[in-house]
Amino acid sequence: MSRDGTPDRDDVLAMLAGLDGRPPEDVPEMIESMELAWLVHQVEQRYGVRVQLDGDQYGRMTTVSGAADVLREVIGMPDEHVRD
């Protein structure tokens, strides 16, 4: 977790690894649609928020690094993207 309490790259890798029980180091950089749905669900569960993404944000979440960037942005944003 980053210093500001939002998910970092290692957190994203760990959450994606949990989908099928593989080690985080075996998670590829590219994220498929099922993995993305799982990731958003995991973030909502772990951080106690409801994540609402627009099309641009979803488009940027095709990689682990991109997903980490978007999630840090969205969780740190006001209510329009994240709701308790």
Protein backbone atom coordinates (compact mmCIF):
# COMPACT_ATOMS: atom_id res chain seq x y z
CA MET A 1 0.00 0.00 0.00
CA SER A 2 1.29 3.44 -0.83
CA ARG A 3 1.92 5.99 1.92
CA ASP A 4 -1.41 7.68 1.22
CA GLY A 5 -3.40 4.48 1.86
CA THR A 6 -4.18 3.73 -1.79
CA PRO A 7 -3.21 0.54 -3.66
CA ASP A 8 0.21 0.45 -5.28
CA ARG A 9 1.57 -1.86 -7.98
CA ASP A 10 2.43 -4.62 -5.47
CA ASP A 11 -1.11 -4.49 -4.07
CA VAL A 12 -2.59 -4.79 -7.56
CA LEU A 13 -0.33 -7.78 -8.31
CA ALA A 14 -1.34 -9.46 -5.04
CA MET A 15 -5.06 -8.94 -5.68
CA LEU A 16 -4.80 -10.27 -9.24
CA ALA A 17 -2.78 -13.25 -8.01
CA GLY A 18 -5.64 -14.11 -5.65
CA LEU A 19 -8.00 -14.70 -8.57
CA ASP A 20 -6.46 -18.06 -9.39
CA GLY A 21 -4.01 -18.66 -6.55
CA ARG A 22 -0.82 -17.96 -8.48
CA PRO A 23 2.18 -16.13 -7.01
CA PRO A 24 2.22 -12.37 -7.66
CA GLU A 25 5.42 -12.70 -9.69
CA ASP A 26 3.53 -14.88 -12.19
CA VAL A 27 0.88 -12.23 -12.90
CA PRO A 28 1.40 -10.82 -16.42
CA GLU A 29 1.48 -7.07 -17.02
CA MET A 30 -1.62 -7.14 -19.26
CA ILE A 31 -4.99 -7.33 -17.48
CA GLU A 32 -7.94 -9.13 -19.10
CA SER A 33 -11.57 -8.13 -18.57
CA MET A 34 -12.32 -10.85 -15.98
CA GLU A 35 -9.22 -9.88 -14.04
CA LEU A 36 -10.24 -6.23 -14.15
CA ALA A 37 -13.68 -7.01 -12.75
CA TRP A 38 -12.05 -9.07 -9.99
CA LEU A 39 -9.59 -6.27 -9.24
CA VAL A 40 -12.29 -3.61 -8.90
CA HIS A 41 -14.28 -5.93 -6.63
CA GLN A 42 -11.22 -6.60 -4.48
CA VAL A 43 -10.47 -2.89 -4.17
CA GLU A 44 -14.05 -2.20 -3.13
CA GLN A 45 -13.87 -4.95 -0.49
CA ARG A 46 -10.43 -4.10 0.89
CA TYR A 47 -10.77 -0.34 0.93
CA GLY A 48 -14.46 -0.15 1.85
CA VAL A 49 -15.36 2.00 -1.14
CA ARG A 50 -17.53 1.80 -4.23
CA VAL A 51 -15.41 2.49 -7.30
CA GLN A 52 -17.07 4.16 -10.28
CA LEU A 53 -14.88 4.41 -13.38
CA ASP A 54 -15.47 6.20 -16.66
CA GLY A 55 -14.51 4.79 -20.07
CA ASP A 56 -11.14 6.54 -20.13
CA GLN A 57 -10.21 5.13 -16.73
CA TYR A 58 -11.21 1.61 -17.76
CA GLY A 59 -9.14 2.02 -20.92
CA ARG A 60 -6.09 2.93 -18.87
CA MET A 61 -6.45 -0.19 -16.70
CA THR A 62 -5.25 -2.69 -19.30
CA THR A 63 -1.91 -3.11 -17.49
CA VAL A 64 -0.94 -3.65 -13.87
CA SER A 65 0.87 -0.31 -13.78
CA GLY A 66 -2.05 1.51 -15.40
CA ALA A 67 -4.51 -0.06 -12.98
CA ALA A 68 -2.42 0.99 -10.00
CA ASP A 69 -2.24 4.55 -11.34
CA VAL A 70 -5.99 4.80 -11.95
CA LEU A 71 -6.89 3.26 -8.59
CA ARG A 72 -4.62 5.67 -6.74
CA GLU A 73 -6.23 8.57 -8.61
CA VAL A 74 -9.81 7.39 -8.12
CA ILE A 75 -9.56 6.47 -4.45
CA GLY A 76 -8.00 9.83 -3.74
CA MET A 77 -10.77 11.71 -5.63
CA PRO A 78 -13.94 13.26 -4.25
CA ASP A 79 -17.27 11.45 -4.11
CA GLU A 80 -18.02 11.34 -7.82
CA HIS A 81 -15.72 8.31 -8.35
CA VAL A 82 -15.54 6.67 -4.95
CA ARG A 83 -18.40 6.23 -2.54
CA ASP A 84 -18.62 4.56 0.84
